[in-house]
Amino acid sequence: MDQTLVPLWDEMKAEIDKWMEYIGENAEEIVKRSPLQVGVHNHVRLEYINGRVTVTDEIPEFDQPASKMRHGVEMLTDAGIRELVPELAAHMRHILNTQHPAVTDYYFTFDGVFQTPDGEVTERILEHVDEAKKKLLLDRIDAYITEKLLEGQNPTEPLDTFFLARHLLNERLDPELDAGRICMVFDKIQQLNKGTSHLGEHRGHLIRPLRRFAENRWLPRYFEREGKEWEPVYRKKSDFHPDESEEGMLELINYTAALILKYEPSYSRGLGVTLLNCAAELGSGQARLMIREGSGTLPKEAVYSRDDFAECRANDVFAEVGITLKRESEEAYAGALRFVTRLMKLGFPKSYQIKLKSSAKQWLPVKGLDKSGTHRFFANALAYPNLHPLLEEYARAAMETYEWYLDTEGEKNCMPGSYAVFGLGLTDRRYFSLVEDYMKKVDEEHQSVQNQFTAAFIQHYGVNEETLPTLVQCMLHGSDSMKLKIKAEVEEERNLACLAEQSRGLQDYQVEHLIDLIWGGTDKLTKIAAKAQGTSKALFSELLQLAGRPSA
């Protein structure tokens, strides 16, 4: 080596050693979190810019502008880079052979960025594949799929899904991706985690690598990207001619599009439609069918119905139900309700919306609800008393925690079944139990329309011994921002006794939440209890004790 490079070489080696020592500190504990992780780091990047050596595992997400050269800083020549790169590669190989196995993944790259008089030069210094680790990982993937998914009955860990999804789409692990196996595995993960609070997290871990595969590898392979950055247009490459080997890839792209359209935010739907259109252009009959009719997994009679009263059409890919009413009548709404309810029972996406064509425009007497087609359909149907049992049947089939109507967002988010439950709950006391069951499924962290329903419920029925059990469930699942003015009514001795009875068996934080909503906090209730007499004083004291606070 040129002696003038020795000080720089020593500095580079010292920075690499320091970085490797740093990342190795917790590596062994990190890989214990999941059997599908055999190493923590898969990349290191050395930079020599403006006379400084830095080492990092961060890969720039976008192309960075070249750094400005400071005056008087010594730069590397091409000859100097050619001398340093082999030495850097040898040093890294030595580290890889002597470090703890958990530090680096089976595939590891080492890149260098060097500032020269002609600009920045990027070099791949080392590309390393640990075949033993690779085989270990492949064996663990097969075992996990068999034991945890195919033979498993329990929800799985989101972190395992995070790694598994990326492994199955990694062409370094499997150059010929098995689209059918990937789709089957991803479906099984969703099935095992259905109804859990982590289902959305699992879906996110599945969709993100699928999306990256589609955007970064599949589309560029067959299409030229044109148009604006935020509104691209894809033109099929003229020299591409699909053959039978493309069928598996098309299946995977159609599956990716379906997940994006069903579960990603509305701003992502454009990509889902683009993928289906591109797949259709490459000859995918499945893509054309999905655009027109849906996934095809539901019976034809379940996704299309037509009679003298209404025409109903459902597309589970777009998670939409189109309802055209030919006549505003009980029969028309009855048929449409049965159509939608059957869809819910057959596995149609619970997060969906109704596109309604109807001359009637009824709305529920609940402030703050979005005036959507879905809302209008159920409010219209509520006008027919004979349909109330059908509305309850629909609501019980549709209610699902962590699912939402697609035509609501933000503070107007609604769990499926909301409109039917709210309408029935404000129409007849016989549906109080339905309201209570609904409230127990509400995710109050991401939905607040139950607050407005609770206010409407109080205004309609008042506060009394009959309404308090339902009202307590509404309050328990309402947000802290709920504004109630029921203090005077609750303090009536009969109502106070009923509240105390309903509070027994609750967690102390739940009772405290009730106290906050009614009295504004336990401190205020303590002052009220101190001035109370007789039975009321005893009931106030019991509530405070149930909330984990000292009695007055």
Protein backbone atom coordinates (compact mmCIF):
# COMPACT_ATOMS: atom_id res chain seq x y z
CA MET A 1 0.00 0.00 0.00
CA ASP A 2 1.12 3.54 -0.77
CA GLN A 3 2.56 4.85 2.51
CA THR A 4 0.58 8.08 2.17
CA LEU A 5 -2.62 6.00 2.50
CA VAL A 6 -1.60 4.21 5.72
CA PRO A 7 -2.96 6.86 8.16
CA LEU A 8 -6.28 6.90 6.31
CA TRP A 9 -6.39 3.10 6.22
CA ASP A 10 -5.77 2.95 9.97
CA GLU A 11 -8.57 5.46 10.57
CA MET A 12 -11.01 3.51 8.38
CA LYS A 13 -10.16 0.25 10.09
CA ALA A 14 -10.61 1.83 13.54
CA GLU A 15 -14.04 3.25 12.58
CA ILE A 16 -15.17 -0.11 11.21
CA ASP A 17 -14.04 -1.90 14.38
CA LYS A 18 -15.80 0.66 16.56
CA TRP A 19 -19.03 0.33 14.61
CA MET A 20 -18.97 -3.47 14.60
CA GLU A 21 -18.36 -3.51 18.35
CA TYR A 22 -21.29 -1.16 18.86
CA ILE A 23 -23.79 -3.17 16.81
CA GLY A 24 -22.71 -6.43 18.44
CA GLU A 25 -23.66 -5.39 21.96
CA ASN A 26 -27.31 -6.55 21.90
CA ALA A 27 -27.40 -8.67 18.75
CA GLU A 28 -27.73 -12.00 20.55
CA GLU A 29 -30.77 -10.80 22.51
CA ILE A 30 -32.35 -9.21 19.45
CA VAL A 31 -32.38 -12.39 17.35
CA LYS A 32 -34.02 -14.31 20.20
CA ARG A 33 -37.24 -12.37 19.58
CA SER A 34 -38.11 -14.38 16.49
CA PRO A 35 -36.94 -17.71 15.06
CA LEU A 36 -37.12 -16.08 11.63
CA GLN A 37 -34.22 -13.70 12.28
CA VAL A 38 -30.73 -15.23 12.03
CA GLY A 39 -28.82 -11.95 12.14
CA VAL A 40 -29.42 -8.28 12.81
CA HIS A 41 -27.50 -6.33 10.17
CA ASN A 42 -27.26 -6.90 6.44
CA HIS A 43 -25.43 -3.78 5.32
CA VAL A 44 -22.63 -1.42 6.28
CA ARG A 45 -21.61 1.74 4.47
CA LEU A 46 -18.25 3.51 4.85
CA GLU A 47 -17.98 7.11 3.70
CA TYR A 48 -14.87 9.24 3.22
CA ILE A 49 -16.24 12.72 2.59
CA ASN A 50 -14.54 16.06 3.29
CA GLY A 51 -11.69 14.36 5.08
CA ARG A 52 -13.94 12.48 7.54
CA VAL A 53 -14.50 8.74 7.85
CA THR A 54 -17.96 7.59 8.94
CA VAL A 55 -19.48 4.11 9.16
CA THR A 56 -23.23 3.48 9.25
CA ASP A 57 -25.84 0.86 8.44
CA GLU A 58 -28.27 3.45 7.05
CA ILE A 59 -29.06 3.25 3.35
CA PRO A 60 -30.21 6.57 1.86
CA GLU A 61 -33.85 6.21 0.82
CA PHE A 62 -33.40 8.70 -2.03
CA ASP A 63 -30.42 9.81 -4.10
CA GLN A 64 -28.51 12.37 -2.12
CA PRO A 65 -26.85 15.40 -3.74
CA ALA A 66 -23.07 15.17 -3.85
CA SER A 67 -21.38 16.80 -0.87
CA LYS A 68 -19.57 20.05 -1.48
CA MET A 69 -15.80 19.66 -1.17
CA ARG A 70 -14.21 21.82 1.49
CA HIS A 71 -11.15 23.76 0.39
CA GLY A 72 -7.86 22.21 1.39
CA VAL A 73 -9.25 18.72 2.15
CA GLU A 74 -7.23 15.86 0.68
CA MET A 75 -9.26 13.62 -1.63
CA LEU A 76 -8.74 10.11 -2.86
CA THR A 77 -7.64 9.31 -6.38
CA ASP A 78 -8.98 6.36 -8.36
CA ALA A 79 -5.64 4.64 -7.75
CA GLY A 80 -5.97 5.17 -4.00
CA ILE A 81 -9.49 3.68 -4.02
CA ARG A 82 -8.20 0.63 -5.92
CA GLU A 83 -5.60 0.09 -3.20
CA LEU A 84 -7.95 0.58 -0.27
CA VAL A 85 -10.92 -1.52 -1.43
CA PRO A 86 -9.18 -4.94 -1.26
CA GLU A 87 -7.79 -4.12 2.18
CA LEU A 88 -11.22 -3.04 3.42
CA ALA A 89 -12.80 -6.21 2.01
CA ALA A 90 -10.20 -8.44 3.68
CA HIS A 91 -10.67 -6.69 7.01
CA MET A 92 -14.44 -7.10 6.84
CA ARG A 93 -14.10 -10.81 5.96
CA HIS A 94 -11.95 -11.26 9.04
CA ILE A 95 -14.60 -9.56 11.19
CA LEU A 96 -17.40 -11.69 9.72
CA ASN A 97 -15.44 -14.86 10.51
CA THR A 98 -14.71 -13.91 14.12
CA GLN A 99 -17.81 -12.02 15.35
CA HIS A 100 -20.89 -13.50 17.07
CA PRO A 101 -23.17 -15.10 14.43
CA ALA A 102 -26.13 -12.96 15.52
CA VAL A 103 -24.52 -9.69 14.43
CA THR A 104 -24.94 -10.06 10.67
CA ASP A 105 -27.60 -11.67 8.51
CA TYR A 106 -26.98 -14.49 6.04
CA TYR A 107 -26.60 -11.87 3.28
CA PHE A 108 -24.31 -8.93 4.02
CA THR A 109 -22.99 -6.09 1.85
CA PHE A 110 -20.25 -3.56 2.49
CA ASP A 111 -20.24 -0.38 0.37
CA GLY A 112 -17.89 2.56 0.23
CA VAL A 113 -18.49 6.16 -0.82
CA PHE A 114 -15.30 8.12 -1.56
CA GLN A 115 -14.85 11.76 -2.49
CA THR A 116 -12.51 12.26 -5.47
CA PRO A 117 -11.54 15.31 -7.53
CA ASP A 118 -14.11 14.17 -10.11
CA GLY A 119 -16.93 13.72 -7.60
CA GLU A 120 -18.22 10.99 -5.30
CA VAL A 121 -17.54 7.36 -6.21
CA THR A 122 -19.56 4.47 -4.80
CA GLU A 123 -17.96 1.02 -4.70
CA ARG A 124 -19.34 -2.36 -3.62
CA ILE A 125 -16.48 -3.47 -1.37
CA LEU A 126 -17.85 -6.85 -0.30
CA GLU A 127 -20.91 -9.00 -0.91
CA HIS A 128 -21.03 -11.93 1.49
CA VAL A 129 -23.43 -14.89 1.64
CA ASP A 130 -23.25 -17.22 4.63
CA GLU A 131 -24.60 -20.45 3.15
CA ALA A 132 -24.92 -22.16 6.54
CA LYS A 133 -27.04 -19.31 7.90
CA LYS A 134 -29.08 -19.27 4.71
CA LYS A 135 -29.88 -22.98 5.03
CA LEU A 136 -30.71 -22.52 8.72
CA LEU A 137 -33.12 -19.71 7.84
CA LEU A 138 -34.81 -21.68 5.06
CA ASP A 139 -35.28 -24.64 7.42
CA ARG A 140 -36.77 -22.36 10.08
CA ILE A 141 -39.13 -20.79 7.54
CA ASP A 142 -40.44 -24.22 6.50
CA ALA A 143 -40.82 -25.31 10.13
CA TYR A 144 -42.61 -22.10 11.09
CA ILE A 145 -45.08 -22.36 8.21
CA THR A 146 -45.86 -25.98 9.07
CA GLU A 147 -46.03 -25.73 12.86
CA LYS A 148 -47.37 -22.21 13.47
CA LEU A 149 -49.55 -21.69 10.40
CA LEU A 150 -50.66 -24.87 8.66
CA GLU A 151 -51.02 -26.88 11.88
CA GLY A 152 -51.44 -23.89 14.21
CA GLN A 153 -54.66 -22.78 15.85
CA ASN A 154 -53.46 -19.70 17.75
CA PRO A 155 -52.75 -16.07 16.80
CA THR A 156 -49.18 -15.46 15.75
CA GLU A 157 -46.63 -12.79 16.60
CA PRO A 158 -46.53 -9.64 14.41
CA LEU A 159 -42.72 -9.68 14.46
CA ASP A 160 -42.70 -13.18 12.96
CA THR A 161 -45.01 -11.95 10.20
CA PHE A 162 -42.69 -8.99 9.61
CA PHE A 163 -39.76 -11.30 8.87
CA LEU A 164 -41.68 -14.10 7.15
CA ALA A 165 -43.30 -11.80 4.58
CA ARG A 166 -39.95 -10.33 3.60
CA HIS A 167 -38.27 -13.75 3.40
CA LEU A 168 -40.96 -15.24 1.16
CA LEU A 169 -40.60 -12.32 -1.27
CA ASN A 170 -36.80 -12.39 -1.21
CA GLU A 171 -35.45 -13.68 -4.52
CA ARG A 172 -32.06 -14.29 -2.93
CA LEU A 173 -33.66 -16.94 -0.74
CA ASP A 174 -35.84 -18.31 -3.53
CA PRO A 175 -35.10 -17.10 -7.09
CA GLU A 176 -38.40 -18.59 -8.28
CA LEU A 177 -41.02 -17.12 -5.97
CA ASP A 178 -43.90 -19.53 -5.31
CA ALA A 179 -46.89 -17.20 -5.70
CA GLY A 180 -49.45 -19.81 -4.67
CA ARG A 181 -47.56 -20.64 -1.49
CA ILE A 182 -47.10 -16.96 -0.61
CA CYS A 183 -50.80 -16.19 -1.03
CA MET A 184 -51.77 -19.28 0.99
CA VAL A 185 -49.40 -18.39 3.84
CA PHE A 186 -50.52 -14.76 3.94
CA ASP A 187 -54.18 -15.82 4.01
CA LYS A 188 -53.46 -18.22 6.88
CA ILE A 189 -51.78 -15.47 8.91
CA GLN A 190 -54.85 -13.26 8.53
CA GLN A 191 -57.17 -16.13 9.39
CA LEU A 192 -55.32 -17.03 12.61
CA ASN A 193 -55.23 -13.39 13.73
CA LYS A 194 -58.79 -12.49 12.78
CA GLY A 195 -60.57 -10.58 15.53
CA THR A 196 -57.37 -9.71 17.40
CA SER A 197 -56.07 -6.23 18.05
CA HIS A 198 -52.94 -7.08 16.01
CA LEU A 199 -54.73 -8.01 12.76
CA GLY A 200 -54.08 -4.58 11.24
CA GLU A 201 -50.42 -4.80 12.20
CA HIS A 202 -50.10 -8.22 10.56
CA ARG A 203 -51.77 -6.94 7.39
CA GLY A 204 -49.39 -4.00 7.31
CA HIS A 205 -46.41 -6.36 7.56
CA LEU A 206 -47.83 -8.38 4.65
CA ILE A 207 -48.76 -5.47 2.40
CA ARG A 208 -45.56 -3.42 2.68
CA PRO A 209 -43.17 -6.01 1.19
CA LEU A 210 -45.77 -6.99 -1.42
CA ARG A 211 -46.09 -3.36 -2.39
CA ARG A 212 -42.31 -2.89 -2.60
CA PHE A 213 -42.02 -6.03 -4.73
CA ALA A 214 -44.75 -4.80 -7.09
CA GLU A 215 -43.46 -1.22 -7.40
CA ASN A 216 -39.71 -1.78 -7.39
CA ARG A 217 -39.32 -5.14 -9.13
CA TRP A 218 -42.42 -6.23 -11.01
CA LEU A 219 -43.61 -3.01 -12.64
CA PRO A 220 -40.11 -1.90 -13.83
CA ARG A 221 -39.58 -5.36 -15.33
CA TYR A 222 -42.48 -5.04 -17.74
CA PHE A 223 -43.51 -1.37 -17.88
CA GLU A 224 -41.98 2.05 -18.56
CA ARG A 225 -42.92 4.64 -16.00
CA GLU A 226 -44.04 8.01 -17.38
CA GLY A 227 -45.94 11.03 -16.16
CA LYS A 228 -45.62 12.93 -12.91
CA GLU A 229 -43.95 11.49 -9.81
CA TRP A 230 -47.23 11.55 -7.85
CA GLU A 231 -49.37 10.48 -10.82
CA PRO A 232 -47.37 7.93 -12.83
CA VAL A 233 -48.52 6.28 -16.03
CA TYR A 234 -47.22 2.82 -16.96
CA ARG A 235 -46.63 1.80 -20.59
CA LYS A 236 -45.94 -1.84 -21.41
CA LYS A 237 -42.45 -2.40 -22.79
CA SER A 238 -42.64 -3.16 -26.50
CA ASP A 239 -40.13 -6.02 -26.31
CA PHE A 240 -42.04 -7.93 -23.64
CA HIS A 241 -44.09 -10.97 -24.61
CA PRO A 242 -45.68 -12.84 -21.67
CA ASP A 243 -45.53 -16.61 -21.46
CA GLU A 244 -46.80 -19.26 -19.05
CA SER A 245 -44.02 -18.50 -16.58
CA GLU A 246 -45.66 -15.13 -15.87
CA GLU A 247 -48.87 -16.66 -14.51
CA GLY A 248 -47.50 -17.06 -11.00
CA MET A 249 -46.29 -13.46 -10.89
CA LEU A 250 -49.63 -12.22 -12.16
CA GLU A 251 -51.38 -14.18 -9.42
CA LEU A 252 -49.16 -12.52 -6.82
CA ILE A 253 -49.76 -9.04 -8.28
CA ASN A 254 -53.52 -9.58 -8.28
CA TYR A 255 -53.30 -10.68 -4.66
CA THR A 256 -51.25 -7.59 -3.80
CA ALA A 257 -53.77 -5.32 -5.50
CA ALA A 258 -56.65 -6.93 -3.61
CA LEU A 259 -54.98 -6.38 -0.22
CA ILE A 260 -54.15 -2.76 -1.04
CA LEU A 261 -57.69 -2.03 -2.23
CA LYS A 262 -59.32 -3.74 0.75
CA TYR A 263 -57.16 -2.59 3.61
CA GLU A 264 -54.91 0.34 2.70
CA PRO A 265 -55.95 4.01 3.09
CA SER A 266 -57.88 5.61 0.25
CA TYR A 267 -54.77 7.41 -1.05
CA SER A 268 -53.21 3.99 -1.83
CA ARG A 269 -56.13 2.76 -3.90
CA GLY A 270 -54.62 4.23 -7.08
CA LEU A 271 -51.73 1.77 -6.89
CA GLY A 272 -54.12 -1.15 -6.39
CA VAL A 273 -56.10 -0.17 -9.49
CA THR A 274 -52.85 0.37 -11.45
CA LEU A 275 -51.61 -3.12 -10.57
CA LEU A 276 -54.86 -4.73 -11.68
CA ASN A 277 -54.90 -2.75 -14.93
CA CYS A 278 -51.27 -3.65 -15.65
CA ALA A 279 -51.88 -7.33 -14.87
CA ALA A 280 -54.92 -7.27 -17.16
CA GLU A 281 -52.79 -5.70 -19.92
CA LEU A 282 -50.34 -8.59 -19.59
CA GLY A 283 -53.18 -11.01 -20.21
CA SER A 284 -54.45 -11.79 -16.71
CA GLY A 285 -58.03 -12.93 -16.98
CA GLN A 286 -58.20 -12.96 -13.20
CA ALA A 287 -57.34 -9.25 -13.07
CA ARG A 288 -60.04 -8.41 -15.62
CA LEU A 289 -62.55 -10.46 -13.65
CA MET A 290 -61.54 -8.79 -10.37
CA ILE A 291 -62.00 -5.35 -11.88
CA ARG A 292 -65.44 -6.31 -13.12
CA GLU A 293 -66.78 -8.65 -10.44
CA GLY A 294 -64.39 -9.06 -7.49
CA SER A 295 -62.13 -11.86 -6.33
CA GLY A 296 -64.42 -14.69 -7.42
CA THR A 297 -64.15 -16.40 -4.03
CA LEU A 298 -67.81 -15.77 -3.19
CA PRO A 299 -70.77 -17.54 -4.88
CA LYS A 300 -72.12 -15.67 -7.90
CA GLU A 301 -75.60 -15.52 -6.41
CA ALA A 302 -74.11 -13.87 -3.31
CA VAL A 303 -72.49 -10.99 -5.21
CA TYR A 304 -75.33 -10.19 -7.61
CA SER A 305 -79.09 -10.01 -7.13
CA ARG A 306 -81.84 -8.42 -9.17
CA ASP A 307 -85.62 -8.37 -8.87
CA ASP A 308 -88.52 -5.98 -9.44
CA PHE A 309 -87.55 -3.90 -6.41
CA ALA A 310 -83.77 -3.62 -6.31
CA GLU A 311 -80.49 -4.51 -8.00
CA CYS A 312 -77.53 -5.35 -5.74
CA ARG A 313 -73.95 -5.92 -6.83
CA ALA A 314 -70.91 -6.56 -4.57
CA ASN A 315 -67.20 -6.39 -5.34
CA ASP A 316 -65.05 -7.74 -2.53
CA VAL A 317 -61.85 -6.43 -4.13
CA PHE A 318 -63.06 -2.84 -3.94
CA ALA A 319 -65.06 -3.71 -0.77
CA GLU A 320 -68.12 -2.00 -2.25
CA VAL A 321 -71.79 -2.93 -2.39
CA GLY A 322 -73.82 -1.16 -5.05
CA ILE A 323 -77.55 -0.96 -4.32
CA THR A 324 -80.00 0.53 -6.83
CA LEU A 325 -83.58 0.75 -5.57
CA LYS A 326 -86.16 0.63 -8.32
CA ARG A 327 -88.98 1.23 -5.86
CA GLU A 328 -88.87 2.81 -2.41
CA SER A 329 -90.59 0.03 -0.51
CA GLU A 330 -90.28 -2.35 2.38
CA GLU A 331 -89.71 -5.21 -0.06
CA ALA A 332 -86.83 -3.39 -1.74
CA TYR A 333 -85.01 -2.71 1.52
CA ALA A 334 -85.74 -6.20 2.82
CA GLY A 335 -84.09 -7.78 -0.20
CA ALA A 336 -81.10 -5.45 -0.03
CA LEU A 337 -80.65 -6.08 3.71
CA ARG A 338 -80.70 -9.83 3.20
CA PHE A 339 -78.15 -9.42 0.39
CA VAL A 340 -75.73 -7.41 2.56
CA THR A 341 -76.22 -9.63 5.63
CA ARG A 342 -75.42 -12.74 3.63
CA LEU A 343 -72.25 -11.10 2.37
CA MET A 344 -71.15 -10.42 5.95
CA LYS A 345 -71.74 -14.05 6.89
CA LEU A 346 -69.85 -15.34 3.84
CA GLY A 347 -66.66 -13.43 4.61
CA PHE A 348 -67.10 -10.25 2.57
CA PRO A 349 -64.75 -7.54 3.94
CA LYS A 350 -66.27 -6.06 7.08
CA SER A 351 -64.54 -2.79 6.19
CA TYR A 352 -66.71 -1.85 3.23
CA GLN A 353 -69.11 0.80 1.94
CA ILE A 354 -72.49 0.98 0.24
CA LYS A 355 -72.95 2.96 -2.96
CA LEU A 356 -76.67 3.76 -2.89
CA LYS A 357 -78.98 4.95 -5.64
CA SER A 358 -82.24 5.90 -3.96
CA SER A 359 -84.62 8.85 -3.95
CA ALA A 360 -85.10 8.68 -0.16
CA LYS A 361 -82.74 10.65 2.08
CA GLN A 362 -83.21 9.73 5.71
CA TRP A 363 -80.55 10.38 8.38
CA LEU A 364 -80.25 9.15 11.95
CA PRO A 365 -80.95 11.66 14.75
CA VAL A 366 -77.31 11.53 15.89
CA LYS A 367 -75.13 14.59 15.41
CA GLY A 368 -71.69 14.24 13.84
CA LEU A 369 -72.29 11.19 11.63
CA ASP A 370 -71.01 11.30 8.07
CA LYS A 371 -73.81 11.69 5.53
CA SER A 372 -72.67 8.81 3.36
CA GLY A 373 -74.45 6.32 1.15
CA THR A 374 -73.97 3.64 3.81
CA HIS A 375 -75.54 5.84 6.49
CA ARG A 376 -78.48 6.75 4.23
CA PHE A 377 -79.23 3.12 3.33
CA PHE A 378 -79.63 2.00 6.94
CA ALA A 379 -81.50 5.15 7.98
CA ASN A 380 -83.92 4.61 5.10
CA ALA A 381 -84.45 0.96 6.03
CA LEU A 382 -85.14 1.93 9.65
CA ALA A 383 -88.37 3.63 8.52
CA TYR A 384 -89.96 0.19 8.06
CA PRO A 385 -90.72 -1.42 11.48
CA ASN A 386 -91.03 -4.88 9.96
CA LEU A 387 -87.38 -4.65 8.91
CA HIS A 388 -86.03 -4.03 12.41
CA PRO A 389 -85.31 -7.74 13.06
CA LEU A 390 -83.40 -7.85 9.75
CA LEU A 391 -81.42 -4.78 10.77
CA GLU A 392 -80.47 -6.48 14.04
CA GLU A 393 -79.43 -9.63 12.18
CA TYR A 394 -77.26 -7.52 9.89
CA ALA A 395 -75.69 -5.61 12.79
CA ARG A 396 -74.74 -8.76 14.66
CA ALA A 397 -73.18 -10.20 11.49
CA ALA A 398 -71.31 -6.98 10.65
CA MET A 399 -69.97 -5.82 14.03
CA GLU A 400 -66.22 -6.45 14.22
CA THR A 401 -63.61 -4.64 16.31
CA TYR A 402 -60.87 -2.89 14.30
CA GLU A 403 -62.98 -2.81 11.12
CA TRP A 404 -64.54 0.38 9.68
CA TYR A 405 -66.95 1.61 7.06
CA LEU A 406 -64.77 2.81 4.18
CA ASP A 407 -66.76 5.99 3.56
CA THR A 408 -65.93 7.36 7.01
CA GLU A 409 -62.63 8.54 8.39
CA GLY A 410 -61.07 10.41 11.27
CA GLU A 411 -63.43 11.37 14.07
CA LYS A 412 -66.39 10.02 12.05
CA ASN A 413 -64.98 6.48 11.83
CA CYS A 414 -67.72 3.89 12.32
CA MET A 415 -67.45 0.20 13.12
CA PRO A 416 -69.61 -1.83 10.70
CA GLY A 417 -73.11 -2.15 12.10
CA SER A 418 -73.02 1.29 13.73
CA TYR A 419 -75.90 2.84 11.81
CA ALA A 420 -78.21 -0.13 12.33
CA VAL A 421 -77.37 -0.30 16.04
CA PHE A 422 -77.79 3.45 16.59
CA GLY A 423 -81.08 3.53 14.72
CA LEU A 424 -82.55 0.51 16.51
CA GLY A 425 -81.26 1.65 19.88
CA LEU A 426 -83.06 4.98 19.52
CA THR A 427 -86.25 3.35 18.24
CA ASP A 428 -87.12 0.60 20.70
CA ARG A 429 -85.97 -0.42 24.19
CA ARG A 430 -85.92 -4.06 23.11
CA TYR A 431 -82.64 -3.28 21.34
CA PHE A 432 -80.83 -2.08 24.46
CA SER A 433 -78.97 -5.40 24.65
CA LEU A 434 -77.82 -4.95 21.03
CA VAL A 435 -76.44 -1.52 21.95
CA GLU A 436 -74.58 -3.03 24.92
CA ASP A 437 -73.09 -5.80 22.77
CA TYR A 438 -72.04 -3.21 20.20
CA MET A 439 -70.33 -1.01 22.79
CA LYS A 440 -68.28 -3.95 24.06
CA LYS A 441 -66.77 -4.28 20.57
CA VAL A 442 -66.00 -0.60 20.03
CA ASP A 443 -62.36 0.46 19.75
CA GLU A 444 -62.68 3.78 21.56
CA GLU A 445 -59.12 4.77 20.64
CA HIS A 446 -60.03 5.03 16.95
CA GLN A 447 -63.76 5.81 17.05
CA SER A 448 -65.74 8.51 18.83
CA VAL A 449 -69.18 8.49 17.17
CA GLN A 450 -70.44 6.48 20.15
CA ASN A 451 -70.13 9.70 22.15
CA GLN A 452 -72.73 11.39 19.96
CA PHE A 453 -74.98 8.33 20.10
CA THR A 454 -74.79 8.35 23.92
CA ALA A 455 -75.92 11.99 23.99
CA ALA A 456 -78.81 11.15 21.66
CA PHE A 457 -79.67 8.11 23.79
CA ILE A 458 -79.89 10.25 26.95
CA GLN A 459 -81.96 12.91 25.22
CA HIS A 460 -84.38 10.28 23.91
CA TYR A 461 -84.79 8.03 26.97
CA GLY A 462 -83.49 10.00 29.92
CA VAL A 463 -81.55 8.59 32.88
CA ASN A 464 -83.39 6.01 34.96
CA GLU A 465 -83.10 2.50 36.33
CA GLU A 466 -84.08 0.99 32.97
CA THR A 467 -81.64 2.97 30.86
CA LEU A 468 -78.64 3.07 33.21
CA PRO A 469 -77.29 -0.45 32.49
CA THR A 470 -77.08 0.42 28.78
CA LEU A 471 -75.88 3.93 29.49
CA VAL A 472 -73.04 2.57 31.65
CA GLN A 473 -71.83 0.45 28.71
CA CYS A 474 -72.00 3.49 26.46
CA MET A 475 -69.95 5.54 28.92
CA LEU A 476 -67.42 2.77 29.52
CA HIS A 477 -66.63 2.70 25.80
CA GLY A 478 -66.87 6.41 25.20
CA SER A 479 -63.83 8.62 24.92
CA ASP A 480 -62.66 11.03 27.62
CA SER A 481 -63.94 13.91 25.49
CA MET A 482 -67.57 12.82 25.93
CA LYS A 483 -69.63 15.68 27.39
CA LEU A 484 -72.55 14.58 29.57
CA LYS A 485 -74.87 16.65 31.75
CA ILE A 486 -76.49 13.92 33.82
CA LYS A 487 -75.08 14.65 37.27
CA ALA A 488 -78.41 15.72 38.78
CA GLU A 489 -80.29 12.73 37.39
CA VAL A 490 -77.66 10.22 38.51
CA GLU A 491 -77.63 11.65 42.05
CA GLU A 492 -81.28 10.67 42.51
CA GLU A 493 -81.10 7.86 45.04
CA ARG A 494 -82.62 5.12 42.86
CA ASN A 495 -80.35 5.96 39.95
CA LEU A 496 -77.33 6.23 42.24
CA ALA A 497 -78.06 2.78 43.63
CA CYS A 498 -78.37 1.42 40.09
CA LEU A 499 -75.04 2.98 39.10
CA ALA A 500 -73.34 1.46 42.14
CA GLU A 501 -74.79 -1.94 41.26
CA GLN A 502 -73.55 -1.65 37.67
CA SER A 503 -70.09 -0.60 38.89
CA ARG A 504 -69.56 -3.66 41.07
CA GLY A 505 -67.32 -6.10 39.23
CA LEU A 506 -65.73 -3.42 37.05
CA GLN A 507 -62.03 -2.57 37.17
CA ASP A 508 -61.19 0.44 39.32
CA TYR A 509 -60.05 2.47 36.28
CA GLN A 510 -63.44 1.80 34.64
CA VAL A 511 -65.34 3.12 37.66
CA GLU A 512 -63.04 6.14 37.73
CA HIS A 513 -63.85 6.74 34.06
CA LEU A 514 -67.58 6.74 34.88
CA ILE A 515 -67.00 9.19 37.72
CA ASP A 516 -64.95 11.45 35.44
CA LEU A 517 -67.74 11.58 32.85
CA ILE A 518 -70.52 12.19 35.37
CA TRP A 519 -68.91 14.35 38.07
CA GLY A 520 -65.69 15.56 36.48
CA GLY A 521 -63.35 13.46 38.63
CA THR A 522 -63.00 11.66 41.94
CA ASP A 523 -61.90 14.84 43.76
CA LYS A 524 -65.20 16.50 42.94
CA LEU A 525 -67.16 13.40 43.93
CA THR A 526 -65.25 13.23 47.23
CA LYS A 527 -66.45 16.76 48.09
CA ILE A 528 -70.02 15.85 47.16
CA ALA A 529 -69.86 12.68 49.27
CA ALA A 530 -68.56 14.60 52.28
CA LYS A 531 -71.73 16.71 52.31
CA ALA A 532 -74.17 13.87 51.59
CA GLN A 533 -76.30 12.08 54.14
CA GLY A 534 -77.69 8.59 54.68
CA THR A 535 -77.99 6.17 51.77
CA SER A 536 -76.63 8.64 49.22
CA LYS A 537 -73.46 9.14 51.28
CA ALA A 538 -72.95 5.38 51.49
CA LEU A 539 -73.42 4.98 47.72
CA PHE A 540 -71.02 7.83 46.94
CA SER A 541 -68.45 6.26 49.26
CA GLU A 542 -68.88 2.86 47.61
CA LEU A 543 -68.27 4.36 44.16
CA LEU A 544 -65.10 6.01 45.40
CA GLN A 545 -63.91 2.75 46.93
CA LEU A 546 -64.66 0.89 43.69
CA ALA A 547 -62.55 3.50 41.89
CA GLY A 548 -59.68 2.79 44.27
CA ARG A 549 -60.05 6.08 46.14
CA PRO A 550 -60.54 6.55 49.89
CA SER A 551 -64.17 6.93 50.91
CA ALA A 552 -65.54 10.16 52.35
